[in-house]
Protein backbone atom coordinates (compact mmCIF):
# COMPACT_ATOMS: atom_id res chain seq x y z
CA UNK A 1 -35.53 31.02 59.37
CA UNK A 2 -37.43 32.25 56.31
CA UNK A 3 -35.21 32.19 53.23
CA UNK A 4 -37.83 33.96 51.10
CA UNK A 5 -40.44 36.33 52.44
CA UNK A 6 -42.73 38.74 50.63
CA UNK A 7 -44.59 41.54 52.35
CA UNK A 8 -47.73 42.99 50.79
CA UNK A 9 -46.42 42.73 47.25
CA UNK A 10 -48.61 43.96 44.45
CA UNK A 11 -47.75 43.66 40.78
CA UNK A 12 -49.32 45.47 37.84
CA UNK A 13 -48.57 44.54 34.24
CA UNK A 14 -47.59 47.43 31.91
CA UNK A 15 -51.19 47.66 30.68
CA UNK A 16 -52.36 48.25 34.26
CA UNK A 17 -53.76 44.76 34.91
CA UNK A 18 -53.27 43.77 38.55
CA UNK A 19 -51.71 40.29 38.71
CA UNK A 20 -50.87 40.17 42.43
CA UNK A 21 -52.59 41.93 45.31
CA UNK A 22 -50.89 42.33 48.72
CA UNK A 23 -49.32 38.86 48.67
CA UNK A 24 -47.61 37.67 51.84
CA UNK A 25 -45.63 34.49 51.30
CA UNK A 26 -42.75 32.86 53.12
CA UNK A 27 -40.61 29.78 52.66
CA UNK A 28 -38.76 28.34 55.64
CA UNK A 29 -35.24 27.07 55.15
CA UNK A 30 -35.03 23.38 54.25
CA UNK A 31 -38.77 22.96 53.63
CA UNK A 32 -40.88 22.09 50.59
CA UNK A 33 -43.53 24.74 50.01
CA UNK A 34 -46.34 24.32 47.49
CA UNK A 35 -48.24 27.16 45.81
CA UNK A 36 -51.60 25.84 44.65
CA UNK A 37 -53.85 27.59 42.22
CA UNK A 38 -55.63 27.25 38.89
CA UNK A 39 -54.17 28.55 35.63
CA UNK A 40 -54.08 32.34 35.59
CA UNK A 41 -54.13 32.66 39.39
CA UNK A 42 -50.76 34.45 39.54
CA UNK A 43 -48.40 31.58 40.42
CA UNK A 44 -45.84 32.26 37.68
CA UNK A 45 -45.96 36.02 38.24
CA UNK A 46 -45.25 35.55 41.94
CA UNK A 47 -42.34 33.19 41.28
CA UNK A 48 -40.67 35.64 38.92
CA UNK A 49 -40.49 38.11 41.80
CA UNK A 50 -38.37 35.74 43.90
CA UNK A 51 -35.12 36.35 42.04
CA UNK A 52 -35.81 39.77 40.62
CA UNK A 53 -36.91 38.88 37.08
CA UNK A 54 -40.00 40.94 37.86
CA UNK A 55 -40.06 43.83 40.32
CA UNK A 56 -43.16 44.35 42.49
CA UNK A 57 -45.17 47.50 41.95
CA UNK A 58 -45.47 47.86 45.73
CA UNK A 59 -44.27 45.82 48.70
CA UNK A 60 -40.96 44.11 49.37
CA UNK A 61 -39.17 40.76 48.99
CA UNK A 62 -36.40 39.49 51.24
CA UNK A 63 -34.00 36.63 50.50
CA UNK A 64 -32.10 35.31 53.52
CA UNK A 65 -33.41 38.29 55.47
CA UNK A 66 -32.02 40.89 53.04
CA UNK A 67 -34.34 42.99 50.90
CA UNK A 68 -33.81 42.53 47.17
CA UNK A 69 -32.01 45.45 45.58
CA UNK A 70 -32.53 45.71 41.83
CA UNK A 71 -29.01 46.78 40.96
CA UNK A 72 -27.32 44.38 38.55
CA UNK A 73 -24.61 43.29 41.00
CA UNK A 74 -27.14 42.46 43.71
CA UNK A 75 -29.44 40.62 41.31
CA UNK A 76 -26.53 38.38 40.26
CA UNK A 77 -26.04 37.36 43.90
CA UNK A 78 -29.77 36.73 44.36
CA UNK A 79 -29.87 34.53 41.26
CA UNK A 80 -27.01 32.44 42.60
CA UNK A 81 -29.12 31.76 45.68
CA UNK A 82 -32.53 31.41 44.02
CA UNK A 83 -32.80 29.27 40.89
CA UNK A 84 -36.02 29.20 38.87
CA UNK A 85 -37.09 26.32 36.61
CA UNK A 86 -39.76 27.49 34.16
CA UNK A 87 -42.91 25.53 33.39
CA UNK A 88 -41.94 25.02 29.76
CA UNK A 89 -38.32 23.80 29.51
CA UNK A 90 -38.18 25.07 25.91
CA UNK A 91 -38.21 28.59 27.44
CA UNK A 92 -35.04 27.70 29.34
CA UNK A 93 -33.03 25.45 27.01
CA UNK A 94 -31.38 27.27 24.14
CA UNK A 95 -27.83 25.95 23.58
CA UNK A 96 -26.92 23.48 20.78
CA UNK A 97 -26.07 20.69 23.24
CA UNK A 98 -27.06 19.58 26.73
CA UNK A 99 -23.51 20.15 27.98
CA UNK A 100 -23.40 23.75 26.74
CA UNK A 101 -26.82 24.46 28.19
CA UNK A 102 -25.97 23.22 31.68
CA UNK A 103 -22.57 24.95 31.54
CA UNK A 104 -24.06 28.36 30.70
CA UNK A 105 -24.83 29.40 34.29
CA UNK A 106 -21.53 28.37 35.89
CA UNK A 107 -19.61 30.02 33.03
CA UNK A 108 -21.46 33.27 33.69
CA UNK A 109 -20.27 33.07 37.29
CA UNK A 110 -16.73 33.36 35.95
CA UNK A 111 -15.63 29.96 37.20
CA UNK A 112 -12.56 28.18 35.90
CA UNK A 113 -13.07 25.63 33.12
CA UNK A 114 -12.32 22.72 35.48
CA UNK A 115 -14.93 23.95 37.99
CA UNK A 116 -17.54 24.38 35.26
CA UNK A 117 -16.88 20.84 34.02
CA UNK A 118 -17.13 19.45 37.56
CA UNK A 119 -20.45 21.22 38.18
CA UNK A 120 -21.92 20.13 34.85
CA UNK A 121 -20.96 16.50 35.37
CA UNK A 122 -22.30 16.51 38.91
CA UNK A 123 -25.60 18.18 37.95
CA UNK A 124 -26.29 15.85 35.02
CA UNK A 125 -25.53 12.82 37.16
CA UNK A 126 -27.89 14.06 39.89
CA UNK A 127 -30.81 14.20 37.45
CA UNK A 128 -29.94 10.97 35.61
CA UNK A 129 -28.91 12.70 32.38
CA UNK A 130 -25.20 11.87 32.29
CA UNK A 131 -24.38 10.42 28.88
CA UNK A 132 -26.60 12.98 27.12
CA UNK A 133 -23.98 15.74 27.04
CA UNK A 134 -23.72 15.91 23.23
CA UNK A 135 -27.46 15.58 22.55
CA UNK A 136 -29.36 18.62 21.22
CA UNK A 137 -31.99 19.55 23.85
CA UNK A 138 -34.77 19.72 21.24
CA UNK A 139 -34.26 16.00 20.53
CA UNK A 140 -35.11 15.06 24.13
CA UNK A 141 -38.45 13.97 25.56
CA UNK A 142 -40.47 16.32 27.78
CA UNK A 143 -39.29 14.63 30.97
CA UNK A 144 -35.66 14.68 29.84
CA UNK A 145 -35.91 18.38 29.00
CA UNK A 146 -37.26 19.07 32.49
CA UNK A 147 -34.35 17.18 34.04
CA UNK A 148 -31.81 19.11 31.95
CA UNK A 149 -33.48 22.39 32.96
CA UNK A 150 -33.15 21.35 36.61
CA UNK A 151 -29.51 20.38 36.01
CA UNK A 152 -28.83 23.84 34.60
CA UNK A 153 -30.07 25.37 37.86
CA UNK A 154 -28.29 22.77 40.02
CA UNK A 155 -25.00 23.64 38.35
CA UNK A 156 -25.36 27.13 39.88
CA UNK A 157 -25.58 25.45 43.31
CA UNK A 158 -28.50 27.53 44.62
CA UNK A 159 -29.84 27.39 48.17
CA UNK A 160 -33.41 27.64 46.94
CA UNK A 161 -35.00 26.05 43.89
CA UNK A 162 -38.28 27.42 42.56
CA UNK A 163 -40.17 25.27 40.05
CA UNK A 164 -43.20 26.36 38.07
CA UNK A 165 -45.47 23.35 37.44
CA UNK A 166 -42.59 20.83 37.49
CA UNK A 167 -44.79 17.85 36.52
CA UNK A 168 -46.90 19.63 33.89
CA UNK A 169 -47.19 17.69 30.64
CA UNK A 170 -45.36 14.62 31.97
CA UNK A 171 -46.61 11.05 32.13
CA UNK A 172 -46.82 9.45 35.62
CA UNK A 173 -43.34 7.90 35.36
CA UNK A 174 -41.76 11.18 34.25
CA UNK A 175 -43.55 13.11 36.99
CA UNK A 176 -42.40 10.57 39.60
CA UNK A 177 -38.78 10.90 38.45
CA UNK A 178 -38.89 14.69 38.82
CA UNK A 179 -40.47 14.51 42.27
CA UNK A 180 -37.91 11.97 43.48
CA UNK A 181 -35.11 14.32 42.38
CA UNK A 182 -36.71 17.24 44.24
CA UNK A 183 -37.33 15.15 47.36
CA UNK A 184 -33.69 14.04 47.45
CA UNK A 185 -32.44 17.61 47.01
CA UNK A 186 -34.66 18.69 49.88
CA UNK A 187 -33.38 15.87 52.08
CA UNK A 188 -29.89 17.30 51.49
CA UNK A 189 -31.00 20.71 52.74
CA UNK A 190 -32.23 22.60 49.69
CA UNK A 191 -35.40 24.67 50.05
CA UNK A 192 -37.90 23.73 47.34
CA UNK A 193 -40.82 25.88 46.22
CA UNK A 194 -43.19 24.47 43.63
CA UNK A 195 -46.31 25.79 41.97
CA UNK A 196 -48.90 23.30 40.84
CA UNK A 197 -52.58 22.63 40.34
CA UNK A 198 -51.99 18.90 40.94
CA UNK A 199 -53.53 18.56 44.39
CA UNK A 200 -52.66 14.85 44.66
CA UNK A 201 -48.89 15.36 44.82
CA UNK A 202 -49.02 18.14 47.43
CA UNK A 203 -49.77 15.98 50.54
CA UNK A 204 -46.96 13.60 49.57
CA UNK A 205 -44.20 16.22 49.53
CA UNK A 206 -45.18 19.64 50.88
CA UNK A 207 -44.54 20.85 54.42
CA UNK A 208 -46.54 24.01 53.86
CA UNK A 209 -49.19 25.00 51.30
CA UNK A 210 -50.50 28.30 49.96
CA UNK A 211 -53.60 28.69 47.81
CA UNK A 212 -53.56 31.61 45.39
CA UNK A 213 -56.67 32.77 43.55
CA UNK A 214 -57.02 35.83 41.32
CA UNK A 215 -53.70 37.16 42.54
CA UNK A 216 -54.48 36.84 46.26
CA UNK A 217 -53.31 34.32 48.87
CA UNK A 218 -56.55 32.97 50.31
CA UNK A 219 -55.29 30.11 52.48
CA UNK A 220 -52.04 29.01 54.09
CA UNK A 221 -51.05 26.15 56.38
CA UNK A 222 -50.10 22.50 56.52
CA UNK A 223 -51.66 20.19 53.89
CA UNK A 224 -54.17 19.01 56.51
CA UNK A 225 -55.11 22.58 57.45
CA UNK A 226 -55.47 23.71 53.85
CA UNK A 227 -57.39 20.73 52.50
CA UNK A 228 -59.49 20.66 55.68
CA UNK A 229 -61.02 23.93 54.43
CA UNK A 230 -63.06 22.27 51.69
CA UNK A 231 -65.07 25.41 50.89
CA UNK A 232 -61.96 27.51 50.20
CA UNK A 233 -60.31 24.76 48.14
CA UNK A 234 -63.34 24.39 45.89
CA UNK A 235 -63.91 28.13 45.78
CA UNK A 236 -60.45 28.42 44.19
CA UNK A 237 -61.50 26.01 41.39
CA UNK A 238 -59.42 23.24 42.92
CA UNK A 239 -60.47 19.89 44.32
CA UNK A 240 -59.59 17.70 47.27
CA UNK A 241 -56.91 15.04 46.80
CA UNK A 242 -58.55 11.88 45.47
CA UNK A 243 -58.16 9.98 48.74
CA UNK A 244 -59.81 12.79 50.71
CA UNK A 245 -62.58 13.05 48.10
CA UNK A 246 -63.25 9.31 48.38
CA UNK A 247 -63.50 9.58 52.18
CA UNK A 248 -65.87 12.51 51.81
CA UNK A 249 -68.13 10.46 49.52
CA UNK A 250 -68.05 7.44 51.86
CA UNK A 251 -68.98 9.65 54.79
CA UNK A 252 -71.76 11.61 53.08
CA UNK A 253 -73.24 9.01 50.72
CA UNK A 254 -72.62 5.79 52.63
CA UNK A 255 -72.77 7.20 56.18
CA UNK A 256 -69.36 5.78 57.05
CA UNK A 257 -67.89 7.42 60.16
CA UNK A 258 -65.08 9.44 58.57
CA UNK A 259 -64.82 12.91 60.02
CA UNK A 260 -62.78 15.90 58.91
CA UNK A 261 -59.97 16.38 58.35
CA UNK A 262 -60.08 13.59 55.80
CA UNK A 263 -56.90 11.60 55.21
CA UNK A 264 -54.89 12.87 52.23
CA UNK A 265 -52.76 9.86 51.33
CA UNK A 266 -53.27 6.11 50.95
CA UNK A 267 -51.21 5.48 54.08
CA UNK A 268 -53.30 7.89 56.16
CA UNK A 269 -56.54 6.41 54.78
CA UNK A 270 -55.46 2.86 55.61
CA UNK A 271 -54.70 3.82 59.21
CA UNK A 272 -58.04 5.57 59.58
CA UNK A 273 -60.03 2.69 58.10
CA UNK A 274 -58.26 0.11 60.28
CA UNK A 275 -58.89 2.26 63.32
CA UNK A 276 -62.61 2.49 62.54
CA UNK A 277 -62.87 -1.29 62.14
CA UNK A 278 -60.97 -1.91 65.39
CA UNK A 279 -63.42 0.29 67.24
């Protein structure tokens, strides 16, 4: 079942600039879907359509099979199901303390004080930020801010979490922490949609991949299918994952017998190399 599906959506900014052109995108329930594209490709604009922050100029968006209606009451229900974590957590964190920030969403749902407290405690624990309740968000590191932003969405208990460049600006340890959180949430049944231009993380986590370029979806499929189309990947100003790029060099420059599709992870590369030596 597709929990989010867009059909031929186009979006024009108020000045007439076309940001999206006939985009067809779907996310299957319980999967991790990656949207790959360079800066300015339309990733953020597309994501803001998923819970009604932006309304497409033409086309339609369905959540759980129901078309989004842009009446206030309906949008509230959509935003309970679809939580968006912005690229810059400073755009999302605004309260004086971490506790107040994470509590904001559940309070807006009209929950009792005890329920709000339970959700806040649970969300902060899930992201490893329990004990930071009284800290001002602007005193936190970049990775900590990201985790608090995720906690704020988790406290709403959405079915779908949409994250715009979740590892942007983080060091390797911080990025790894975020990805582990997302992987665990997905293992528990949450649908995860991430945008990124970090091609190395995509084969590790994504079930399905879309490439967006200049507001158009130009490729869709499994990581192997997408990265197997080297011409399209590079035409979108992206690159192959480093492991695949190494195999490509070894095949072309050193005449080693590695054929497409190239392995995308260290584990896949090891198996392929061992197989070649055995033969």
